[in-house]
Amino acid sequence: MRNECEKVIDYFNNQLTDVEEKEFEKHLETCGDCQEELAELRALTEDLAFASEPVNPPEGMKGRVLDAVFAEEKLNETVDKGSEQAEHREDSSVVAFEPRKDRSEQGLQPRKTKKPWILRGLAAALILSLAGNLYAVMNEDETASEGPVEEPETPIQSTDQVTTKVQLQGTTDAQATASMIQQEQGGLLTLQAESLEQLEGEEVYQVWLIEGETPHRAGTFVANENGAGAVAYAMDQLPEGTDWNAVAISKEPDATSQAPRGEVILQAEL
């Protein structure tokens, strides 16, 4: 059966069973050495920054760490013995200094010396704590890397084609160019005009697509201070499959005209 003092590391790491934990806590009430070691363990680890939730280290890691600690201690003891033997072989002419007086002879309280197993326990606890957190971070990275990767959406490629382009003519200095563009989403009418007269009040320029003698509204615009204006009109708003005969621009008193009420200033056949 293990000595109760040997359970302090497992108690600190919550590795004891419920029965063992109660027995150790009862022992802890009367054992000053265990109380001191437990306090030192908590002081050493209270400021450690943990990168993730605690996890159990891989099986066998605890044994390997403790074996490494004990092997290092054994090596240190061998080195110390070799040093002592070398000191005995030194020349006897070396002057020996008077040893320091014991603290009790100086009227002082003797120093408390930590037991070797306490130091080994502290080192093992720190190593296990750091190893556990490193293991958790590595697992977290692997889990994240195994998640599904969403492929970026491929943008819709649109190929536009100009099917008709005409120059509108009129009796004024104004000029305009109209283009019928076929897109995958449908037809588009674009019109650019320049040297237009300035409008007054609610006046607007209205574009018309003409089927026989029937005009259809195809966009409304106003001119800027330089007399330039433009419109882009989606033709899916018009009757599908219509054979358009002409395109025209009129100056209307307002934007509510359903048929030309003002002067047609520019037009062209399609």
C-alpha atoms as a PDB file:
ATOM      1  CA  MET A   1       0.000   0.000   0.000  1.00  0.00           C
ATOM      2  CA  ARG A   2       1.321   3.424  -0.850  1.00  0.00           C
ATOM      3  CA  ASN A   3       2.257   5.870   1.869  1.00  0.00           C
ATOM      4  CA  GLU A   4      -0.314   8.658   2.126  1.00  0.00           C
ATOM      5  CA  CYS A   5       2.392  11.269   1.466  1.00  0.00           C
ATOM      6  CA  GLU A   6       3.016   9.720  -1.949  1.00  0.00           C
ATOM      7  CA  LYS A   7      -0.522  10.566  -3.048  1.00  0.00           C
ATOM      8  CA  VAL A   8      -0.114  14.344  -2.965  1.00  0.00           C
ATOM      9  CA  ILE A   9       0.610  14.630  -6.720  1.00  0.00           C
ATOM     10  CA  ASP A  10      -2.366  12.453  -7.659  1.00  0.00           C
ATOM     11  CA  TYR A  11      -4.544  14.418  -5.246  1.00  0.00           C
ATOM     12  CA  PHE A  12      -3.421  17.709  -6.833  1.00  0.00           C
ATOM     13  CA  ASN A  13      -4.178  16.326 -10.320  1.00  0.00           C
ATOM     14  CA  ASN A  14      -7.574  14.871  -9.256  1.00  0.00           C
ATOM     15  CA  GLN A  15      -6.389  11.326 -10.007  1.00  0.00           C
ATOM     16  CA  LEU A  16      -7.542   9.675  -6.745  1.00  0.00           C
ATOM     17  CA  THR A  17     -10.709   7.689  -6.277  1.00  0.00           C
ATOM     18  CA  ASP A  18     -13.372   9.066  -3.951  1.00  0.00           C
ATOM     19  CA  VAL A  19     -12.247   6.732  -1.159  1.00  0.00           C
ATOM     20  CA  GLU A  20      -8.561   7.579  -1.614  1.00  0.00           C
ATOM     21  CA  GLU A  21      -9.343  11.287  -1.760  1.00  0.00           C
ATOM     22  CA  LYS A  22     -11.203  11.184   1.581  1.00  0.00           C
ATOM     23  CA  GLU A  23      -8.387   9.189   3.205  1.00  0.00           C
ATOM     24  CA  PHE A  24      -5.757  11.611   1.928  1.00  0.00           C
ATOM     25  CA  GLU A  25      -7.703  14.701   3.053  1.00  0.00           C
ATOM     26  CA  LYS A  26      -7.930  13.159   6.526  1.00  0.00           C
ATOM     27  CA  HIS A  27      -4.169  12.574   6.452  1.00  0.00           C
ATOM     28  CA  LEU A  28      -3.606  16.121   5.136  1.00  0.00           C
ATOM     29  CA  GLU A  29      -5.151  17.626   8.274  1.00  0.00           C
ATOM     30  CA  THR A  30      -2.219  16.415  10.404  1.00  0.00           C
ATOM     31  CA  CYS A  31       0.699  16.255   7.909  1.00  0.00           C
ATOM     32  CA  GLY A  32       2.651  19.490   7.682  1.00  0.00           C
ATOM     33  CA  ASP A  33       4.885  18.210   4.866  1.00  0.00           C
ATOM     34  CA  CYS A  34       1.921  17.404   2.616  1.00  0.00           C
ATOM     35  CA  GLN A  35       0.297  20.728   3.429  1.00  0.00           C
ATOM     36  CA  GLU A  36       3.499  22.553   2.475  1.00  0.00           C
ATOM     37  CA  GLU A  37       3.965  20.603  -0.765  1.00  0.00           C
ATOM     38  CA  LEU A  38       0.336  21.097  -1.810  1.00  0.00           C
ATOM     39  CA  ALA A  39       0.625  24.833  -1.169  1.00  0.00           C
ATOM     40  CA  GLU A  40       3.796  24.998  -3.280  1.00  0.00           C
ATOM     41  CA  LEU A  41       2.148  23.076  -6.123  1.00  0.00           C
ATOM     42  CA  ARG A  42      -0.759  25.478  -6.182  1.00  0.00           C
ATOM     43  CA  ALA A  43       1.535  28.508  -6.021  1.00  0.00           C
ATOM     44  CA  LEU A  44       3.638  27.218  -8.921  1.00  0.00           C
ATOM     45  CA  THR A  45       0.685  26.468 -11.187  1.00  0.00           C
ATOM     46  CA  GLU A  46      -1.775  29.246 -10.382  1.00  0.00           C
ATOM     47  CA  ASP A  47      -0.198  31.662 -12.916  1.00  0.00           C
ATOM     48  CA  LEU A  48       0.230  29.177 -15.760  1.00  0.00           C
ATOM     49  CA  ALA A  49      -1.682  30.284 -18.906  1.00  0.00           C
ATOM     50  CA  PHE A  50      -3.712  27.444 -20.340  1.00  0.00           C
ATOM     51  CA  ALA A  51      -4.388  27.532 -24.108  1.00  0.00           C
ATOM     52  CA  SER A  52      -7.315  25.107 -23.998  1.00  0.00           C
ATOM     53  CA  GLU A  53      -9.545  22.982 -21.829  1.00  0.00           C
ATOM     54  CA  PRO A  54      -7.646  20.370 -19.748  1.00  0.00           C
ATOM     55  CA  VAL A  55      -7.370  16.937 -21.324  1.00  0.00           C
ATOM     56  CA  ASN A  56      -5.902  13.658 -20.189  1.00  0.00           C
ATOM     57  CA  PRO A  57      -2.382  13.085 -21.539  1.00  0.00           C
ATOM     58  CA  PRO A  58      -1.763  10.009 -23.706  1.00  0.00           C
ATOM     59  CA  GLU A  59      -1.546   6.667 -21.914  1.00  0.00           C
ATOM     60  CA  GLY A  60       1.904   6.048 -20.457  1.00  0.00           C
ATOM     61  CA  MET A  61       3.051   9.694 -20.575  1.00  0.00           C
ATOM     62  CA  LYS A  62       2.964  10.072 -16.792  1.00  0.00           C
ATOM     63  CA  GLY A  63       5.172   6.998 -16.285  1.00  0.00           C
ATOM     64  CA  ARG A  64       7.669   8.137 -18.913  1.00  0.00           C
ATOM     65  CA  VAL A  65       7.961  11.596 -17.360  1.00  0.00           C
ATOM     66  CA  LEU A  66       8.502  10.257 -13.839  1.00  0.00           C
ATOM     67  CA  ASP A  67      11.066   7.734 -15.085  1.00  0.00           C
ATOM     68  CA  ALA A  68      12.982  10.581 -16.725  1.00  0.00           C
ATOM     69  CA  VAL A  69      12.917  12.616 -13.485  1.00  0.00           C
ATOM     70  CA  PHE A  70      14.183   9.694 -11.389  1.00  0.00           C
ATOM     71  CA  ALA A  71      16.916   8.838 -13.912  1.00  0.00           C
ATOM     72  CA  GLU A  72      18.160  12.435 -13.868  1.00  0.00           C
ATOM     73  CA  GLU A  73      18.260  12.435 -10.062  1.00  0.00           C
ATOM     74  CA  LYS A  74      20.251   9.177 -10.039  1.00  0.00           C
ATOM     75  CA  LEU A  75      22.725  10.686 -12.509  1.00  0.00           C
ATOM     76  CA  ASN A  76      23.120  13.789 -10.324  1.00  0.00           C
ATOM     77  CA  GLU A  77      23.823  11.602  -7.270  1.00  0.00           C
ATOM     78  CA  THR A  78      26.537   9.728  -9.188  1.00  0.00           C
ATOM     79  CA  VAL A  79      28.154  13.010 -10.228  1.00  0.00           C
ATOM     80  CA  ASP A  80      28.047  14.301  -6.645  1.00  0.00           C
ATOM     81  CA  LYS A  81      29.767  11.148  -5.333  1.00  0.00           C
ATOM     82  CA  GLY A  82      32.490  11.512  -7.953  1.00  0.00           C
ATOM     83  CA  SER A  83      33.028  15.121  -6.916  1.00  0.00           C
ATOM     84  CA  GLU A  84      33.363  14.130  -3.251  1.00  0.00           C
ATOM     85  CA  GLN A  85      35.962  11.476  -4.067  1.00  0.00           C
ATOM     86  CA  ALA A  86      37.954  13.981  -6.095  1.00  0.00           C
ATOM     87  CA  GLU A  87      37.932  16.424  -3.185  1.00  0.00           C
ATOM     88  CA  HIS A  88      39.403  13.749  -0.856  1.00  0.00           C
ATOM     89  CA  ARG A  89      42.306  13.254  -3.265  1.00  0.00           C
ATOM     90  CA  GLU A  90      43.288  16.930  -3.180  1.00  0.00           C
ATOM     91  CA  ASP A  91      46.562  18.034  -1.586  1.00  0.00           C
ATOM     92  CA  SER A  92      46.434  18.054   2.201  1.00  0.00           C
ATOM     93  CA  SER A  93      48.159  21.427   2.175  1.00  0.00           C
ATOM     94  CA  VAL A  94      44.950  23.116   1.161  1.00  0.00           C
ATOM     95  CA  VAL A  95      43.761  25.349   3.964  1.00  0.00           C
ATOM     96  CA  ALA A  96      40.407  24.257   5.362  1.00  0.00           C
ATOM     97  CA  PHE A  97      38.021  27.010   6.313  1.00  0.00           C
ATOM     98  CA  GLU A  98      36.126  26.798   9.528  1.00  0.00           C
ATOM     99  CA  PRO A  99      32.627  25.515   8.841  1.00  0.00           C
ATOM    100  CA  ARG A 100      29.718  27.802   9.435  1.00  0.00           C
ATOM    101  CA  LYS A 101      28.064  27.454  12.771  1.00  0.00           C
ATOM    102  CA  ASP A 102      24.793  25.649  12.973  1.00  0.00           C
ATOM    103  CA  ARG A 103      21.774  27.976  12.977  1.00  0.00           C
ATOM    104  CA  SER A 104      20.799  26.616  16.412  1.00  0.00           C
ATOM    105  CA  GLU A 105      24.176  27.678  17.784  1.00  0.00           C
ATOM    106  CA  GLN A 106      23.491  31.200  16.480  1.00  0.00           C
ATOM    107  CA  GLY A 107      20.146  31.305  18.256  1.00  0.00           C
ATOM    108  CA  LEU A 108      18.174  30.962  14.995  1.00  0.00           C
ATOM    109  CA  GLN A 109      15.460  28.548  13.997  1.00  0.00           C
ATOM    110  CA  PRO A 110      16.701  25.694  11.768  1.00  0.00           C
ATOM    111  CA  ARG A 111      15.776  25.973   8.075  1.00  0.00           C
ATOM    112  CA  LYS A 112      13.193  23.635   6.679  1.00  0.00           C
ATOM    113  CA  THR A 113      14.648  21.465   3.960  1.00  0.00           C
ATOM    114  CA  LYS A 114      12.449  20.146   1.210  1.00  0.00           C
ATOM    115  CA  LYS A 115      12.432  16.413   0.823  1.00  0.00           C
ATOM    116  CA  PRO A 116      13.832  15.116  -2.471  1.00  0.00           C
ATOM    117  CA  TRP A 117      10.546  13.459  -3.300  1.00  0.00           C
ATOM    118  CA  ILE A 118       8.789  16.821  -2.941  1.00  0.00           C
ATOM    119  CA  LEU A 119      11.098  18.411  -5.530  1.00  0.00           C
ATOM    120  CA  ARG A 120      10.582  15.448  -7.839  1.00  0.00           C
ATOM    121  CA  GLY A 121       6.842  15.794  -7.411  1.00  0.00           C
ATOM    122  CA  LEU A 122       6.896  19.511  -8.267  1.00  0.00           C
ATOM    123  CA  ALA A 123       8.931  18.928 -11.404  1.00  0.00           C
ATOM    124  CA  ALA A 124       6.694  16.054 -12.491  1.00  0.00           C
ATOM    125  CA  ALA A 125       3.534  18.096 -11.914  1.00  0.00           C
ATOM    126  CA  LEU A 126       4.774  20.992 -14.030  1.00  0.00           C
ATOM    127  CA  ILE A 127       5.934  18.709 -16.837  1.00  0.00           C
ATOM    128  CA  LEU A 128       2.635  16.809 -16.891  1.00  0.00           C
ATOM    129  CA  SER A 129       0.632  20.033 -16.872  1.00  0.00           C
ATOM    130  CA  LEU A 130       2.541  21.514 -19.814  1.00  0.00           C
ATOM    131  CA  ALA A 131       2.491  18.205 -21.728  1.00  0.00           C
ATOM    132  CA  GLY A 132      -1.278  17.900 -21.293  1.00  0.00           C
ATOM    133  CA  ASN A 133      -1.918  21.387 -22.654  1.00  0.00           C
ATOM    134  CA  LEU A 134       0.428  20.844 -25.618  1.00  0.00           C
ATOM    135  CA  TYR A 135      -1.431  17.622 -26.418  1.00  0.00           C
ATOM    136  CA  ALA A 136      -4.786  19.446 -26.282  1.00  0.00           C
ATOM    137  CA  VAL A 137      -3.612  22.207 -28.644  1.00  0.00           C
ATOM    138  CA  MET A 138      -2.296  19.665 -31.160  1.00  0.00           C
ATOM    139  CA  ASN A 139      -5.589  17.732 -31.107  1.00  0.00           C
ATOM    140  CA  GLU A 140      -7.556  20.958 -31.538  1.00  0.00           C
ATOM    141  CA  ASP A 141      -5.504  21.939 -34.607  1.00  0.00           C
ATOM    142  CA  GLU A 142      -5.955  18.475 -36.150  1.00  0.00           C
ATOM    143  CA  THR A 143      -9.716  18.575 -35.569  1.00  0.00           C
ATOM    144  CA  ALA A 144      -9.976  21.999 -37.191  1.00  0.00           C
ATOM    145  CA  SER A 145      -7.954  20.854 -40.192  1.00  0.00           C
ATOM    146  CA  GLU A 146     -10.249  17.860 -40.720  1.00  0.00           C
ATOM    147  CA  GLY A 147     -13.379  20.004 -41.019  1.00  0.00           C
ATOM    148  CA  PRO A 148     -15.190  20.462 -44.337  1.00  0.00           C
ATOM    149  CA  VAL A 149     -13.689  23.047 -46.660  1.00  0.00           C
ATOM    150  CA  GLU A 150     -16.198  25.067 -48.583  1.00  0.00           C
ATOM    151  CA  GLU A 151     -15.302  25.657 -52.188  1.00  0.00           C
ATOM    152  CA  PRO A 152     -15.693  29.269 -53.344  1.00  0.00           C
ATOM    153  CA  GLU A 153     -18.686  29.859 -55.532  1.00  0.00           C
ATOM    154  CA  THR A 154     -17.858  30.230 -59.205  1.00  0.00           C
ATOM    155  CA  PRO A 155     -19.213  33.534 -60.486  1.00  0.00           C
ATOM    156  CA  ILE A 156     -21.695  33.345 -63.325  1.00  0.00           C
ATOM    157  CA  GLN A 157     -19.963  34.152 -66.590  1.00  0.00           C
ATOM    158  CA  SER A 158     -22.065  36.377 -68.816  1.00  0.00           C
ATOM    159  CA  THR A 159     -21.357  36.830 -72.526  1.00  0.00           C
ATOM    160  CA  ASP A 160     -22.977  39.942 -73.975  1.00  0.00           C
ATOM    161  CA  GLN A 161     -23.507  40.489 -77.691  1.00  0.00           C
ATOM    162  CA  VAL A 162     -24.571  43.643 -79.521  1.00  0.00           C
ATOM    163  CA  THR A 163     -27.263  42.623 -81.983  1.00  0.00           C
ATOM    164  CA  THR A 164     -28.240  46.090 -83.245  1.00  0.00           C
ATOM    165  CA  LYS A 165     -26.626  49.534 -83.126  1.00  0.00           C
ATOM    166  CA  VAL A 166     -28.106  52.655 -84.718  1.00  0.00           C
ATOM    167  CA  GLN A 167     -27.435  56.406 -84.844  1.00  0.00           C
ATOM    168  CA  LEU A 168     -30.537  58.507 -84.129  1.00  0.00           C
ATOM    169  CA  GLN A 169     -31.104  61.550 -86.329  1.00  0.00           C
ATOM    170  CA  GLY A 170     -33.177  64.708 -85.764  1.00  0.00           C
ATOM    171  CA  THR A 171     -33.738  68.339 -86.686  1.00  0.00           C
ATOM    172  CA  THR A 172     -31.599  69.748 -83.847  1.00  0.00           C
ATOM    173  CA  ASP A 173     -27.910  69.515 -82.954  1.00  0.00           C
ATOM    174  CA  ALA A 174     -28.654  66.676 -80.549  1.00  0.00           C
ATOM    175  CA  GLN A 175     -27.156  63.250 -81.292  1.00  0.00           C
ATOM    176  CA  ALA A 176     -27.770  59.803 -79.852  1.00  0.00           C
ATOM    177  CA  THR A 177     -26.663  56.181 -80.285  1.00  0.00           C
ATOM    178  CA  ALA A 178     -28.861  53.203 -79.359  1.00  0.00           C
ATOM    179  CA  SER A 179     -27.693  49.600 -78.978  1.00  0.00           C
ATOM    180  CA  MET A 180     -29.638  46.374 -78.542  1.00  0.00           C
ATOM    181  CA  ILE A 181     -27.560  43.971 -76.398  1.00  0.00           C
ATOM    182  CA  GLN A 182     -28.362  40.298 -75.989  1.00  0.00           C
ATOM    183  CA  GLN A 183     -27.446  38.912 -72.541  1.00  0.00           C
ATOM    184  CA  GLU A 184     -27.961  35.507 -70.968  1.00  0.00           C
ATOM    185  CA  GLN A 185     -30.486  37.110 -68.619  1.00  0.00           C
ATOM    186  CA  GLY A 186     -32.371  38.826 -71.491  1.00  0.00           C
ATOM    187  CA  GLY A 187     -32.189  41.789 -73.834  1.00  0.00           C
ATOM    188  CA  LEU A 188     -30.909  45.239 -72.872  1.00  0.00           C
ATOM    189  CA  LEU A 189     -31.412  48.572 -74.617  1.00  0.00           C
ATOM    190  CA  THR A 190     -28.741  51.201 -74.016  1.00  0.00           C
ATOM    191  CA  LEU A 191     -28.909  54.765 -75.320  1.00  0.00           C
ATOM    192  CA  GLN A 192     -26.447  57.642 -75.037  1.00  0.00           C
ATOM    193  CA  ALA A 193     -27.282  61.199 -76.122  1.00  0.00           C
ATOM    194  CA  GLU A 194     -25.428  64.512 -76.211  1.00  0.00           C
ATOM    195  CA  SER A 195     -25.997  68.177 -77.138  1.00  0.00           C
ATOM    196  CA  LEU A 196     -29.497  67.984 -75.708  1.00  0.00           C
ATOM    197  CA  GLU A 197     -31.435  71.102 -74.762  1.00  0.00           C
ATOM    198  CA  GLN A 198     -31.841  71.866 -71.067  1.00  0.00           C
ATOM    199  CA  LEU A 199     -35.176  70.879 -69.591  1.00  0.00           C
ATOM    200  CA  GLU A 200     -37.512  73.036 -67.554  1.00  0.00           C
ATOM    201  CA  GLY A 201     -39.729  72.175 -64.590  1.00  0.00           C
ATOM    202  CA  GLU A 202     -40.834  68.523 -64.703  1.00  0.00           C
ATOM    203  CA  GLU A 203     -39.819  67.956 -68.309  1.00  0.00           C
ATOM    204  CA  VAL A 204     -38.021  64.680 -69.151  1.00  0.00           C
ATOM    205  CA  TYR A 205     -36.625  62.864 -72.164  1.00  0.00           C
ATOM    206  CA  GLN A 206     -38.524  59.659 -72.941  1.00  0.00           C
ATOM    207  CA  VAL A 207     -37.199  56.739 -75.026  1.00  0.00           C
ATOM    208  CA  TRP A 208     -39.663  54.782 -77.161  1.00  0.00           C
ATOM    209  CA  LEU A 209     -39.433  51.422 -78.939  1.00  0.00           C
ATOM    210  CA  ILE A 210     -41.931  51.349 -81.796  1.00  0.00           C
ATOM    211  CA  GLU A 211     -43.753  48.287 -83.093  1.00  0.00           C
ATOM    212  CA  GLY A 212     -45.531  49.273 -86.313  1.00  0.00           C
ATOM    213  CA  GLU A 213     -47.353  52.380 -85.152  1.00  0.00           C
ATOM    214  CA  THR A 214     -47.463  51.448 -81.450  1.00  0.00           C
ATOM    215  CA  PRO A 215     -44.864  53.063 -79.144  1.00  0.00           C
ATOM    216  CA  HIS A 216     -43.706  51.375 -75.923  1.00  0.00           C
ATOM    217  CA  ARG A 217     -42.001  53.224 -73.082  1.00  0.00           C
ATOM    218  CA  ALA A 218     -38.346  52.132 -72.827  1.00  0.00           C
ATOM    219  CA  GLY A 219     -36.716  54.405 -70.284  1.00  0.00           C
ATOM    220  CA  THR A 220     -36.808  57.981 -69.019  1.00  0.00           C
ATOM    221  CA  PHE A 221     -33.852  60.310 -68.395  1.00  0.00           C
ATOM    222  CA  VAL A 222     -32.809  63.929 -67.992  1.00  0.00           C
ATOM    223  CA  ALA A 223     -29.762  65.745 -69.403  1.00  0.00           C
ATOM    224  CA  ASN A 224     -26.928  67.110 -67.277  1.00  0.00           C
ATOM    225  CA  GLU A 225     -25.594  70.638 -67.512  1.00  0.00           C
ATOM    226  CA  ASN A 226     -23.494  69.644 -70.554  1.00  0.00           C
ATOM    227  CA  GLY A 227     -26.544  68.314 -72.394  1.00  0.00           C
ATOM    228  CA  ALA A 228     -25.573  64.639 -72.031  1.00  0.00           C
ATOM    229  CA  GLY A 229     -27.908  61.862 -70.970  1.00  0.00           C
ATOM    230  CA  ALA A 230     -28.180  58.075 -71.035  1.00  0.00           C
ATOM    231  CA  VAL A 231     -30.521  55.218 -70.245  1.00  0.00           C
ATOM    232  CA  ALA A 232     -30.240  51.431 -69.840  1.00  0.00           C
ATOM    233  CA  TYR A 233     -33.515  49.530 -70.103  1.00  0.00           C
ATOM    234  CA  ALA A 234     -34.119  45.807 -69.495  1.00  0.00           C
ATOM    235  CA  MET A 235     -36.291  44.671 -72.389  1.00  0.00           C
ATOM    236  CA  ASP A 236     -37.871  41.804 -70.449  1.00  0.00           C
ATOM    237  CA  GLN A 237     -40.375  44.437 -69.309  1.00  0.00           C
ATOM    238  CA  LEU A 238     -41.669  44.647 -72.896  1.00  0.00           C
ATOM    239  CA  PRO A 239     -43.704  42.074 -74.860  1.00  0.00           C
ATOM    240  CA  GLU A 240     -41.447  39.122 -75.685  1.00  0.00           C
ATOM    241  CA  GLY A 241     -40.695  38.305 -79.324  1.00  0.00           C
ATOM    242  CA  THR A 242     -41.802  41.731 -80.605  1.00  0.00           C
ATOM    243  CA  ASP A 243     -40.377  42.872 -83.956  1.00  0.00           C
ATOM    244  CA  TRP A 244     -39.313  46.433 -83.236  1.00  0.00           C
ATOM    245  CA  ASN A 245     -39.348  48.835 -86.196  1.00  0.00           C
ATOM    246  CA  ALA A 246     -37.786  51.973 -84.696  1.00  0.00           C
ATOM    247  CA  VAL A 247     -36.419  53.755 -81.632  1.00  0.00           C
ATOM    248  CA  ALA A 248     -37.124  57.398 -80.788  1.00  0.00           C
ATOM    249  CA  ILE A 249     -36.601  60.109 -78.160  1.00  0.00           C
ATOM    250  CA  SER A 250     -39.221  62.718 -77.292  1.00  0.00           C
ATOM    251  CA  LYS A 251     -39.285  65.623 -74.876  1.00  0.00           C
ATOM    252  CA  GLU A 252     -42.241  65.128 -72.537  1.00  0.00           C
ATOM    253  CA  PRO A 253     -43.872  67.533 -70.047  1.00  0.00           C
ATOM    254  CA  ASP A 254     -43.462  64.926 -67.270  1.00  0.00           C
ATOM    255  CA  ALA A 255     -42.552  61.269 -66.682  1.00  0.00           C
ATOM    256  CA  THR A 256     -46.114  59.916 -66.865  1.00  0.00           C
ATOM    257  CA  SER A 257     -46.579  59.837 -70.635  1.00  0.00           C
ATOM    258  CA  GLN A 258     -47.787  56.460 -71.914  1.00  0.00           C
ATOM    259  CA  ALA A 259     -47.575  57.713 -75.520  1.00  0.00           C
ATOM    260  CA  PRO A 260     -45.601  60.631 -77.009  1.00  0.00           C
ATOM    261  CA  ARG A 261     -47.210  63.930 -76.068  1.00  0.00           C
ATOM    262  CA  GLY A 262     -44.264  66.173 -76.819  1.00  0.00           C
ATOM    263  CA  GLU A 263     -41.943  66.673 -79.763  1.00  0.00           C
ATOM    264  CA  VAL A 264     -39.980  63.682 -81.088  1.00  0.00           C
ATOM    265  CA  ILE A 265     -36.450  65.100 -81.409  1.00  0.00           C
ATOM    266  CA  LEU A 266     -34.451  61.994 -82.466  1.00  0.00           C
ATOM    267  CA  GLN A 267     -35.308  58.663 -84.135  1.00  0.00           C
ATOM    268  CA  ALA A 268     -33.878  55.786 -86.169  1.00  0.00           C
ATOM    269  CA  GLU A 269     -35.110  52.614 -87.817  1.00  0.00           C
ATOM    270  CA  LEU A 270     -34.070  49.234 -86.389  1.00  0.00           C
END
